[in-house]
């Protein structure tokens, strides 16, 4: 994981660590980056329980954990294709971090991007034709898109990779449910940007926001913020209004919310000893803030 931290500027270092979510669910291993399947029945995540970081999948109640990757590289940030048949992830199997994909069974691993820089944390367009990811191939991290060629093992050519932001500090971009808008954080604030449009800032540090996740109807965004002295899960309308706390843990921090595709739940990570602590738990809460439970 040190490869990520080395690239991060100080102001975003905590964010990168949190996004990688070095968390423990049982024993001494680290799990993180939960990603819902399109039917909301499974969660993909990365884990270091067997040594290096690998991609796993489990049922949405935390049972039936299955390891999907079997490499000596580090893998992270899984994301499901809209049809549920493919999982993208980033891996340094080629010597630097690129975006890879595999069948949801773990078979047919293939590279989607290839560059000497770091390509990290892809998510899919709603029609499954493109991915958006963050990369430092032009200096600082910005958002880029690339086509997905079905089962092809050929990575996208440089000419096909399109830079869509020019901030030098764009982190963890995600498509809106209609594919027309991206959400991400720039520095320590959530922004959105429609195709061909200008940046729209939705939070303002110190009332900051990071790691946005769209509701499936596109009307709301979940995000994390430490505006109240510890990191909590917030929701807001997609225009930035009505910002309110959804989850505030009695102890420690709640980070990296992920809205389920059926709209009923939000997965996040509880770090009871804070962002620099060793322990943390992947949790799920109803979208109205009720019935919080850990997936152990």
C-alpha atoms as a PDB file:
ATOM      1  CA  UNK A   1       0.000   0.000   0.000  1.00  0.00           C
ATOM      2  CA  UNK A   2       2.995   2.320   0.387  1.00  0.00           C
ATOM      3  CA  UNK A   3       2.950   2.896  -3.371  1.00  0.00           C
ATOM      4  CA  UNK A   4      -0.225   4.934  -2.951  1.00  0.00           C
ATOM      5  CA  UNK A   5       0.981   6.975  -0.005  1.00  0.00           C
ATOM      6  CA  UNK A   6       4.170   7.946  -1.798  1.00  0.00           C
ATOM      7  CA  UNK A   7       2.155   9.688  -4.514  1.00  0.00           C
ATOM      8  CA  UNK A   8      -0.225  11.542  -2.227  1.00  0.00           C
ATOM      9  CA  UNK A   9       0.171  15.133  -1.192  1.00  0.00           C
ATOM     10  CA  UNK A  10      -0.081  15.744   2.534  1.00  0.00           C
ATOM     11  CA  UNK A  11      -3.590  17.158   2.422  1.00  0.00           C
ATOM     12  CA  UNK A  12      -4.951  14.008   0.787  1.00  0.00           C
ATOM     13  CA  UNK A  13      -2.809  11.401   2.507  1.00  0.00           C
ATOM     14  CA  UNK A  14      -5.491  10.487   5.014  1.00  0.00           C
ATOM     15  CA  UNK A  15      -7.997  10.229   2.169  1.00  0.00           C
ATOM     16  CA  UNK A  16      -5.890   7.776   0.194  1.00  0.00           C
ATOM     17  CA  UNK A  17      -5.335   5.621   3.258  1.00  0.00           C
ATOM     18  CA  UNK A  18      -9.034   5.681   4.038  1.00  0.00           C
ATOM     19  CA  UNK A  19      -9.993   4.857   0.458  1.00  0.00           C
ATOM     20  CA  UNK A  20      -7.720   1.857   0.519  1.00  0.00           C
ATOM     21  CA  UNK A  21      -9.373   1.135   3.853  1.00  0.00           C
ATOM     22  CA  UNK A  22      -6.778  -0.818   5.734  1.00  0.00           C
ATOM     23  CA  UNK A  23      -9.287  -2.418   8.051  1.00  0.00           C
ATOM     24  CA  UNK A  24      -9.570  -5.559  10.068  1.00  0.00           C
ATOM     25  CA  UNK A  25     -12.731  -7.573  10.240  1.00  0.00           C
ATOM     26  CA  UNK A  26     -11.343 -10.634  12.054  1.00  0.00           C
ATOM     27  CA  UNK A  27      -7.864 -11.668  13.210  1.00  0.00           C
ATOM     28  CA  UNK A  28      -4.965  -9.549  12.016  1.00  0.00           C
ATOM     29  CA  UNK A  29      -5.801  -9.190   8.345  1.00  0.00           C
ATOM     30  CA  UNK A  30      -6.932  -6.036   6.607  1.00  0.00           C
ATOM     31  CA  UNK A  31     -10.098  -5.737   4.492  1.00  0.00           C
ATOM     32  CA  UNK A  32     -11.571  -2.750   2.686  1.00  0.00           C
ATOM     33  CA  UNK A  33     -13.110  -0.937  -0.275  1.00  0.00           C
ATOM     34  CA  UNK A  34     -16.520  -2.652  -0.281  1.00  0.00           C
ATOM     35  CA  UNK A  35     -18.320  -2.585  -3.653  1.00  0.00           C
ATOM     36  CA  UNK A  36     -21.914  -3.718  -4.178  1.00  0.00           C
ATOM     37  CA  UNK A  37     -22.945  -6.069  -6.969  1.00  0.00           C
ATOM     38  CA  UNK A  38     -25.670  -4.691  -9.269  1.00  0.00           C
ATOM     39  CA  UNK A  39     -28.318  -6.876  -7.612  1.00  0.00           C
ATOM     40  CA  UNK A  40     -27.200  -5.714  -4.137  1.00  0.00           C
ATOM     41  CA  UNK A  41     -26.719  -9.341  -3.075  1.00  0.00           C
ATOM     42  CA  UNK A  42     -22.901  -9.469  -2.951  1.00  0.00           C
ATOM     43  CA  UNK A  43     -20.030  -7.224  -1.953  1.00  0.00           C
ATOM     44  CA  UNK A  44     -16.572  -7.307  -3.515  1.00  0.00           C
ATOM     45  CA  UNK A  45     -13.678  -6.056  -1.429  1.00  0.00           C
ATOM     46  CA  UNK A  46      -9.937  -6.365  -1.034  1.00  0.00           C
ATOM     47  CA  UNK A  47      -8.241  -8.238   1.793  1.00  0.00           C
ATOM     48  CA  UNK A  48      -4.742  -8.887   3.070  1.00  0.00           C
ATOM     49  CA  UNK A  49      -5.832 -11.900   5.125  1.00  0.00           C
ATOM     50  CA  UNK A  50      -3.609 -14.209   3.068  1.00  0.00           C
ATOM     51  CA  UNK A  51      -0.628 -11.863   2.899  1.00  0.00           C
ATOM     52  CA  UNK A  52      -0.744  -9.408   0.013  1.00  0.00           C
ATOM     53  CA  UNK A  53      -3.875  -7.508  -0.989  1.00  0.00           C
ATOM     54  CA  UNK A  54      -6.248  -9.650  -3.086  1.00  0.00           C
ATOM     55  CA  UNK A  55      -9.843  -9.300  -4.295  1.00  0.00           C
ATOM     56  CA  UNK A  56     -12.581 -11.246  -2.531  1.00  0.00           C
ATOM     57  CA  UNK A  57     -16.358 -11.396  -2.732  1.00  0.00           C
ATOM     58  CA  UNK A  58     -18.926 -12.175  -0.047  1.00  0.00           C
ATOM     59  CA  UNK A  59     -22.666 -12.258   0.380  1.00  0.00           C
ATOM     60  CA  UNK A  60     -24.162  -8.950   1.493  1.00  0.00           C
ATOM     61  CA  UNK A  61     -24.595 -10.332   5.019  1.00  0.00           C
ATOM     62  CA  UNK A  62     -20.851 -11.039   5.298  1.00  0.00           C
ATOM     63  CA  UNK A  63     -21.045 -14.796   4.748  1.00  0.00           C
ATOM     64  CA  UNK A  64     -19.594 -17.018   1.992  1.00  0.00           C
ATOM     65  CA  UNK A  65     -16.306 -15.167   1.570  1.00  0.00           C
ATOM     66  CA  UNK A  66     -14.524 -16.265  -1.624  1.00  0.00           C
ATOM     67  CA  UNK A  67     -11.083 -15.241  -2.853  1.00  0.00           C
ATOM     68  CA  UNK A  68     -11.050 -14.256  -6.543  1.00  0.00           C
ATOM     69  CA  UNK A  69      -7.451 -13.245  -7.349  1.00  0.00           C
ATOM     70  CA  UNK A  70      -4.392 -15.376  -6.762  1.00  0.00           C
ATOM     71  CA  UNK A  71      -1.352 -13.224  -7.528  1.00  0.00           C
ATOM     72  CA  UNK A  72       1.798 -11.918  -5.875  1.00  0.00           C
ATOM     73  CA  UNK A  73       0.770  -8.371  -6.775  1.00  0.00           C
ATOM     74  CA  UNK A  74      -1.334  -5.976  -4.722  1.00  0.00           C
ATOM     75  CA  UNK A  75      -4.955  -5.547  -5.855  1.00  0.00           C
ATOM     76  CA  UNK A  76      -7.545  -3.050  -4.681  1.00  0.00           C
ATOM     77  CA  UNK A  77     -10.632  -0.938  -5.404  1.00  0.00           C
ATOM     78  CA  UNK A  78     -12.969  -3.520  -6.954  1.00  0.00           C
ATOM     79  CA  UNK A  79     -16.031  -2.362  -8.930  1.00  0.00           C
ATOM     80  CA  UNK A  80     -18.768  -4.385 -10.661  1.00  0.00           C
ATOM     81  CA  UNK A  81     -19.793  -3.941 -14.268  1.00  0.00           C
ATOM     82  CA  UNK A  82     -23.482  -3.022 -14.689  1.00  0.00           C
ATOM     83  CA  UNK A  83     -24.384  -6.541 -15.862  1.00  0.00           C
ATOM     84  CA  UNK A  84     -22.712  -8.099 -12.825  1.00  0.00           C
ATOM     85  CA  UNK A  85     -20.498 -10.382 -14.899  1.00  0.00           C
ATOM     86  CA  UNK A  86     -17.200  -8.503 -14.535  1.00  0.00           C
ATOM     87  CA  UNK A  87     -15.238  -6.951 -11.678  1.00  0.00           C
ATOM     88  CA  UNK A  88     -12.616  -4.294 -12.343  1.00  0.00           C
ATOM     89  CA  UNK A  89      -9.807  -3.601  -9.893  1.00  0.00           C
ATOM     90  CA  UNK A  90      -6.382  -2.027  -9.820  1.00  0.00           C
ATOM     91  CA  UNK A  91      -3.215  -4.102  -9.640  1.00  0.00           C
ATOM     92  CA  UNK A  92       0.535  -3.586  -9.806  1.00  0.00           C
ATOM     93  CA  UNK A  93       1.027  -6.948 -11.540  1.00  0.00           C
ATOM     94  CA  UNK A  94       2.709  -5.174 -14.465  1.00  0.00           C
ATOM     95  CA  UNK A  95       5.104  -3.236 -12.231  1.00  0.00           C
ATOM     96  CA  UNK A  96       2.903  -0.192 -11.753  1.00  0.00           C
ATOM     97  CA  UNK A  97      -0.776   0.169 -10.999  1.00  0.00           C
ATOM     98  CA  UNK A  98      -3.126  -0.384 -13.945  1.00  0.00           C
ATOM     99  CA  UNK A  99      -6.829  -1.119 -14.180  1.00  0.00           C
ATOM    100  CA  UNK A 100      -7.608  -4.799 -14.691  1.00  0.00           C
ATOM    101  CA  UNK A 101     -10.811  -6.788 -15.024  1.00  0.00           C
ATOM    102  CA  UNK A 102     -11.909 -10.369 -14.463  1.00  0.00           C
ATOM    103  CA  UNK A 103     -15.053 -12.450 -14.618  1.00  0.00           C
ATOM    104  CA  UNK A 104     -17.037 -12.414 -11.385  1.00  0.00           C
ATOM    105  CA  UNK A 105     -15.719 -15.936 -10.783  1.00  0.00           C
ATOM    106  CA  UNK A 106     -12.132 -14.661 -10.805  1.00  0.00           C
ATOM    107  CA  UNK A 107     -11.363 -16.152 -14.241  1.00  0.00           C
ATOM    108  CA  UNK A 108     -10.164 -14.372 -17.398  1.00  0.00           C
ATOM    109  CA  UNK A 109      -8.039 -11.634 -15.868  1.00  0.00           C
ATOM    110  CA  UNK A 110      -7.139  -8.944 -18.418  1.00  0.00           C
ATOM    111  CA  UNK A 111      -5.679  -5.463 -18.352  1.00  0.00           C
ATOM    112  CA  UNK A 112      -7.903  -2.507 -19.247  1.00  0.00           C
ATOM    113  CA  UNK A 113      -5.269   0.240 -19.043  1.00  0.00           C
ATOM    114  CA  UNK A 114      -1.505   0.264 -19.412  1.00  0.00           C
ATOM    115  CA  UNK A 115       0.724   3.201 -18.563  1.00  0.00           C
ATOM    116  CA  UNK A 116       3.933   3.826 -16.647  1.00  0.00           C
ATOM    117  CA  UNK A 117       1.953   6.084 -14.310  1.00  0.00           C
ATOM    118  CA  UNK A 118      -0.585   4.863 -11.758  1.00  0.00           C
ATOM    119  CA  UNK A 119      -4.172   4.159 -12.824  1.00  0.00           C
ATOM    120  CA  UNK A 120      -6.310   3.611  -9.733  1.00  0.00           C
ATOM    121  CA  UNK A 121      -9.913   3.070  -8.592  1.00  0.00           C
ATOM    122  CA  UNK A 122     -12.062   2.532 -11.693  1.00  0.00           C
ATOM    123  CA  UNK A 123     -15.848   2.627 -11.793  1.00  0.00           C
ATOM    124  CA  UNK A 124     -18.128   1.793 -14.721  1.00  0.00           C
ATOM    125  CA  UNK A 125     -20.432   3.839 -16.906  1.00  0.00           C
ATOM    126  CA  UNK A 126     -24.065   2.709 -16.625  1.00  0.00           C
ATOM    127  CA  UNK A 127     -23.992   1.146 -20.103  1.00  0.00           C
ATOM    128  CA  UNK A 128     -20.780  -0.747 -19.331  1.00  0.00           C
ATOM    129  CA  UNK A 129     -18.878   0.708 -22.288  1.00  0.00           C
ATOM    130  CA  UNK A 130     -16.413   2.841 -20.336  1.00  0.00           C
ATOM    131  CA  UNK A 131     -14.565   3.107 -17.069  1.00  0.00           C
ATOM    132  CA  UNK A 132     -13.547   6.254 -15.247  1.00  0.00           C
ATOM    133  CA  UNK A 133     -10.501   6.188 -13.001  1.00  0.00           C
ATOM    134  CA  UNK A 134      -7.910   8.423 -11.395  1.00  0.00           C
ATOM    135  CA  UNK A 135      -4.377   8.604 -12.759  1.00  0.00           C
ATOM    136  CA  UNK A 136      -1.226  10.648 -12.338  1.00  0.00           C
ATOM    137  CA  UNK A 137      -0.106  10.069 -15.933  1.00  0.00           C
ATOM    138  CA  UNK A 138      -0.016  13.840 -16.538  1.00  0.00           C
ATOM    139  CA  UNK A 139       1.407  14.844 -13.157  1.00  0.00           C
ATOM    140  CA  UNK A 140      -1.084  15.160 -10.316  1.00  0.00           C
ATOM    141  CA  UNK A 141      -4.102  12.885 -10.067  1.00  0.00           C
ATOM    142  CA  UNK A 142      -7.007  13.609 -12.422  1.00  0.00           C
ATOM    143  CA  UNK A 143     -10.009  11.702 -13.777  1.00  0.00           C
ATOM    144  CA  UNK A 144      -9.692   9.790 -17.057  1.00  0.00           C
ATOM    145  CA  UNK A 145     -12.014   7.564 -19.079  1.00  0.00           C
ATOM    146  CA  UNK A 146     -11.181   4.546 -21.208  1.00  0.00           C
ATOM    147  CA  UNK A 147     -13.275   2.156 -23.331  1.00  0.00           C
ATOM    148  CA  UNK A 148     -13.961  -1.417 -22.240  1.00  0.00           C
ATOM    149  CA  UNK A 149     -13.679  -4.022 -24.980  1.00  0.00           C
ATOM    150  CA  UNK A 150     -15.727  -6.872 -23.581  1.00  0.00           C
ATOM    151  CA  UNK A 151     -13.513  -9.916 -23.017  1.00  0.00           C
ATOM    152  CA  UNK A 152     -10.572  -8.553 -24.963  1.00  0.00           C
ATOM    153  CA  UNK A 153      -7.158  -8.787 -23.320  1.00  0.00           C
ATOM    154  CA  UNK A 154      -5.955  -5.683 -25.181  1.00  0.00           C
ATOM    155  CA  UNK A 155      -5.524  -2.636 -22.934  1.00  0.00           C
ATOM    156  CA  UNK A 156      -6.913   0.686 -24.132  1.00  0.00           C
ATOM    157  CA  UNK A 157      -4.483   2.581 -26.332  1.00  0.00           C
ATOM    158  CA  UNK A 158      -3.188   5.937 -25.091  1.00  0.00           C
ATOM    159  CA  UNK A 159      -5.223   7.732 -27.771  1.00  0.00           C
ATOM    160  CA  UNK A 160      -8.409   6.156 -26.358  1.00  0.00           C
ATOM    161  CA  UNK A 161      -7.799   7.332 -22.803  1.00  0.00           C
ATOM    162  CA  UNK A 162      -9.407  10.732 -22.272  1.00  0.00           C
ATOM    163  CA  UNK A 163      -8.536  13.167 -19.527  1.00  0.00           C
ATOM    164  CA  UNK A 164     -11.707  14.727 -18.146  1.00  0.00           C
ATOM    165  CA  UNK A 165     -10.451  16.924 -15.274  1.00  0.00           C
ATOM    166  CA  UNK A 166      -7.465  19.264 -14.979  1.00  0.00           C
ATOM    167  CA  UNK A 167      -7.208  19.948 -11.250  1.00  0.00           C
ATOM    168  CA  UNK A 168      -4.130  17.897 -10.357  1.00  0.00           C
ATOM    169  CA  UNK A 169      -6.027  16.715  -7.277  1.00  0.00           C
ATOM    170  CA  UNK A 170      -9.093  14.775  -8.490  1.00  0.00           C
ATOM    171  CA  UNK A 171      -9.794  11.667  -6.447  1.00  0.00           C
ATOM    172  CA  UNK A 172     -12.074   8.630  -6.851  1.00  0.00           C
ATOM    173  CA  UNK A 173     -14.416   9.624  -9.700  1.00  0.00           C
ATOM    174  CA  UNK A 174     -17.779   7.864 -10.100  1.00  0.00           C
ATOM    175  CA  UNK A 175     -20.432   8.062 -12.809  1.00  0.00           C
ATOM    176  CA  UNK A 176     -23.931   9.212 -11.947  1.00  0.00           C
ATOM    177  CA  UNK A 177     -26.651   6.581 -12.531  1.00  0.00           C
ATOM    178  CA  UNK A 178     -27.572   8.190 -15.870  1.00  0.00           C
ATOM    179  CA  UNK A 179     -23.932   8.474 -16.915  1.00  0.00           C
ATOM    180  CA  UNK A 180     -24.210  12.210 -17.565  1.00  0.00           C
ATOM    181  CA  UNK A 181     -22.271  13.492 -14.551  1.00  0.00           C
ATOM    182  CA  UNK A 182     -19.177  12.577 -12.579  1.00  0.00           C
ATOM    183  CA  UNK A 183     -18.757  13.010  -8.830  1.00  0.00           C
ATOM    184  CA  UNK A 184     -15.346  13.048  -7.141  1.00  0.00           C
ATOM    185  CA  UNK A 185     -13.478  15.029  -4.568  1.00  0.00           C
ATOM    186  CA  UNK A 186     -10.956  17.720  -5.406  1.00  0.00           C
ATOM    187  CA  UNK A 187      -8.629  18.304  -2.485  1.00  0.00           C
ATOM    188  CA  UNK A 188     -11.030  17.864   0.426  1.00  0.00           C
ATOM    189  CA  UNK A 189     -14.343  18.803  -1.179  1.00  0.00           C
ATOM    190  CA  UNK A 190     -16.958  16.926  -3.206  1.00  0.00           C
ATOM    191  CA  UNK A 191     -17.484  18.233  -6.740  1.00  0.00           C
ATOM    192  CA  UNK A 192     -19.610  17.173  -9.679  1.00  0.00           C
ATOM    193  CA  UNK A 193     -19.068  17.795 -13.362  1.00  0.00           C
ATOM    194  CA  UNK A 194     -21.505  17.187 -16.200  1.00  0.00           C
ATOM    195  CA  UNK A 195     -20.097  16.022 -19.535  1.00  0.00           C
ATOM    196  CA  UNK A 196     -18.456  19.038 -21.170  1.00  0.00           C
ATOM    197  CA  UNK A 197     -19.396  21.218 -18.223  1.00  0.00           C
ATOM    198  CA  UNK A 198     -17.639  23.077 -15.442  1.00  0.00           C
ATOM    199  CA  UNK A 199     -16.783  21.866 -11.950  1.00  0.00           C
ATOM    200  CA  UNK A 200     -19.530  22.335  -9.382  1.00  0.00           C
ATOM    201  CA  UNK A 201     -18.394  22.416  -5.768  1.00  0.00           C
ATOM    202  CA  UNK A 202     -20.851  20.828  -3.320  1.00  0.00           C
ATOM    203  CA  UNK A 203     -18.947  21.056  -0.018  1.00  0.00           C
ATOM    204  CA  UNK A 204     -16.637  23.753   1.304  1.00  0.00           C
ATOM    205  CA  UNK A 205     -13.751  22.900   3.621  1.00  0.00           C
ATOM    206  CA  UNK A 206     -13.727  22.906   6.671  1.00  0.00           C
ATOM    207  CA  UNK A 207     -17.254  21.564   6.124  1.00  0.00           C
ATOM    208  CA  UNK A 208     -15.486  19.150   3.804  1.00  0.00           C
ATOM    209  CA  UNK A 209     -16.548  16.054   1.880  1.00  0.00           C
ATOM    210  CA  UNK A 210     -14.792  13.096   0.270  1.00  0.00           C
ATOM    211  CA  UNK A 211     -15.549   9.758  -1.429  1.00  0.00           C
ATOM    212  CA  UNK A 212     -18.941  10.579  -2.966  1.00  0.00           C
ATOM    213  CA  UNK A 213     -21.344   7.753  -3.783  1.00  0.00           C
ATOM    214  CA  UNK A 214     -24.537   8.325  -5.773  1.00  0.00           C
ATOM    215  CA  UNK A 215     -27.937   7.060  -4.736  1.00  0.00           C
ATOM    216  CA  UNK A 216     -29.361   4.846  -7.507  1.00  0.00           C
ATOM    217  CA  UNK A 217     -31.938   7.490  -8.495  1.00  0.00           C
ATOM    218  CA  UNK A 218     -29.188  10.114  -8.825  1.00  0.00           C
ATOM    219  CA  UNK A 219     -30.975  12.459  -6.440  1.00  0.00           C
ATOM    220  CA  UNK A 220     -28.610  12.159  -3.494  1.00  0.00           C
ATOM    221  CA  UNK A 221     -24.935  11.649  -2.702  1.00  0.00           C
ATOM    222  CA  UNK A 222     -23.406   9.963   0.317  1.00  0.00           C
ATOM    223  CA  UNK A 223     -19.949  11.117   1.396  1.00  0.00           C
ATOM    224  CA  UNK A 224     -17.617  11.234   4.372  1.00  0.00           C
ATOM    225  CA  UNK A 225     -16.637  14.364   6.278  1.00  0.00           C
ATOM    226  CA  UNK A 226     -14.630  15.204   9.379  1.00  0.00           C
ATOM    227  CA  UNK A 227     -16.265  18.626   9.838  1.00  0.00           C
ATOM    228  CA  UNK A 228     -17.457  17.660  13.347  1.00  0.00           C
ATOM    229  CA  UNK A 229     -14.084  16.530  14.712  1.00  0.00           C
ATOM    230  CA  UNK A 230     -14.273  12.911  13.565  1.00  0.00           C
ATOM    231  CA  UNK A 231     -15.087  11.296  10.249  1.00  0.00           C
ATOM    232  CA  UNK A 232     -18.788  10.615   9.760  1.00  0.00           C
ATOM    233  CA  UNK A 233     -21.050   9.506   6.932  1.00  0.00           C
ATOM    234  CA  UNK A 234     -23.240  12.266   5.475  1.00  0.00           C
ATOM    235  CA  UNK A 235     -25.837  12.466   2.750  1.00  0.00           C
ATOM    236  CA  UNK A 236     -26.896  15.455   0.667  1.00  0.00           C
ATOM    237  CA  UNK A 237     -28.996  16.218  -2.357  1.00  0.00           C
ATOM    238  CA  UNK A 238     -27.159  16.041  -5.654  1.00  0.00           C
ATOM    239  CA  UNK A 239     -27.095  19.856  -5.783  1.00  0.00           C
ATOM    240  CA  UNK A 240     -25.252  20.013  -2.444  1.00  0.00           C
ATOM    241  CA  UNK A 241     -28.203  21.077  -0.297  1.00  0.00           C
ATOM    242  CA  UNK A 242     -29.598  19.348   2.789  1.00  0.00           C
ATOM    243  CA  UNK A 243     -26.265  18.027   4.087  1.00  0.00           C
ATOM    244  CA  UNK A 244     -26.846  15.924   7.173  1.00  0.00           C
ATOM    245  CA  UNK A 245     -25.170  13.225   9.237  1.00  0.00           C
ATOM    246  CA  UNK A 246     -26.304   9.675   8.526  1.00  0.00           C
ATOM    247  CA  UNK A 247     -23.804   7.737  10.666  1.00  0.00           C
ATOM    248  CA  UNK A 248     -21.769   8.987  13.621  1.00  0.00           C
ATOM    249  CA  UNK A 249     -20.112   6.202  15.560  1.00  0.00           C
ATOM    250  CA  UNK A 250     -19.778   6.507  19.350  1.00  0.00           C
ATOM    251  CA  UNK A 251     -16.094   5.718  18.953  1.00  0.00           C
ATOM    252  CA  UNK A 252     -13.751   6.279  16.036  1.00  0.00           C
ATOM    253  CA  UNK A 253     -14.408   7.137  12.400  1.00  0.00           C
ATOM    254  CA  UNK A 254     -16.881   6.086   9.708  1.00  0.00           C
ATOM    255  CA  UNK A 255     -15.446   6.318   6.187  1.00  0.00           C
ATOM    256  CA  UNK A 256     -15.993   5.451   2.523  1.00  0.00           C
ATOM    257  CA  UNK A 257     -19.772   5.118   2.046  1.00  0.00           C
ATOM    258  CA  UNK A 258     -21.068   2.965  -0.846  1.00  0.00           C
ATOM    259  CA  UNK A 259     -24.785   3.181  -1.717  1.00  0.00           C
ATOM    260  CA  UNK A 260     -26.375  -0.141  -2.692  1.00  0.00           C
ATOM    261  CA  UNK A 261     -27.865  -0.300  -6.205  1.00  0.00           C
ATOM    262  CA  UNK A 262     -31.327  -1.071  -4.803  1.00  0.00           C
ATOM    263  CA  UNK A 263     -31.118   2.109  -2.712  1.00  0.00           C
ATOM    264  CA  UNK A 264     -31.907   0.427   0.569  1.00  0.00           C
ATOM    265  CA  UNK A 265     -28.481   0.322   2.247  1.00  0.00           C
ATOM    266  CA  UNK A 266     -25.128   2.042   2.490  1.00  0.00           C
ATOM    267  CA  UNK A 267     -21.925   0.133   3.196  1.00  0.00           C
ATOM    268  CA  UNK A 268     -19.106   1.914   4.980  1.00  0.00           C
ATOM    269  CA  UNK A 269     -16.104   1.199   7.173  1.00  0.00           C
ATOM    270  CA  UNK A 270     -15.948   1.844  10.902  1.00  0.00           C
ATOM    271  CA  UNK A 271     -12.439   2.539  12.235  1.00  0.00           C
ATOM    272  CA  UNK A 272     -12.897   2.427  16.020  1.00  0.00           C
ATOM    273  CA  UNK A 273      -9.347   3.594  16.776  1.00  0.00           C
ATOM    274  CA  UNK A 274      -9.422   6.389  14.211  1.00  0.00           C
ATOM    275  CA  UNK A 275      -7.875   6.778  10.772  1.00  0.00           C
ATOM    276  CA  UNK A 276      -4.433   5.690  11.972  1.00  0.00           C
ATOM    277  CA  UNK A 277      -5.697   2.733  13.982  1.00  0.00           C
ATOM    278  CA  UNK A 278      -5.263  -0.902  13.053  1.00  0.00           C
ATOM    279  CA  UNK A 279      -8.811  -2.092  13.647  1.00  0.00           C
ATOM    280  CA  UNK A 280     -11.917  -1.359  11.606  1.00  0.00           C
ATOM    281  CA  UNK A 281     -15.089  -3.093  10.471  1.00  0.00           C
ATOM    282  CA  UNK A 282     -17.025  -3.102   7.222  1.00  0.00           C
ATOM    283  CA  UNK A 283     -20.567  -2.146   8.171  1.00  0.00           C
ATOM    284  CA  UNK A 284     -23.936  -1.735   6.491  1.00  0.00           C
ATOM    285  CA  UNK A 285     -26.694   0.646   7.492  1.00  0.00           C
ATOM    286  CA  UNK A 286     -30.149   1.259   6.068  1.00  0.00           C
ATOM    287  CA  UNK A 287     -30.336   4.365   3.902  1.00  0.00           C
ATOM    288  CA  UNK A 288     -32.414   6.082   6.598  1.00  0.00           C
ATOM    289  CA  UNK A 289     -29.668   5.482   9.191  1.00  0.00           C
ATOM    290  CA  UNK A 290     -31.347   2.576  10.975  1.00  0.00           C
ATOM    291  CA  UNK A 291     -30.311  -1.049  11.525  1.00  0.00           C
ATOM    292  CA  UNK A 292     -26.546  -0.540  11.529  1.00  0.00           C
ATOM    293  CA  UNK A 293     -24.654  -3.826  11.538  1.00  0.00           C
ATOM    294  CA  UNK A 294     -21.122  -5.019  10.933  1.00  0.00           C
ATOM    295  CA  UNK A 295     -20.313  -7.713   8.385  1.00  0.00           C
ATOM    296  CA  UNK A 296     -18.186 -10.117  10.391  1.00  0.00           C
END
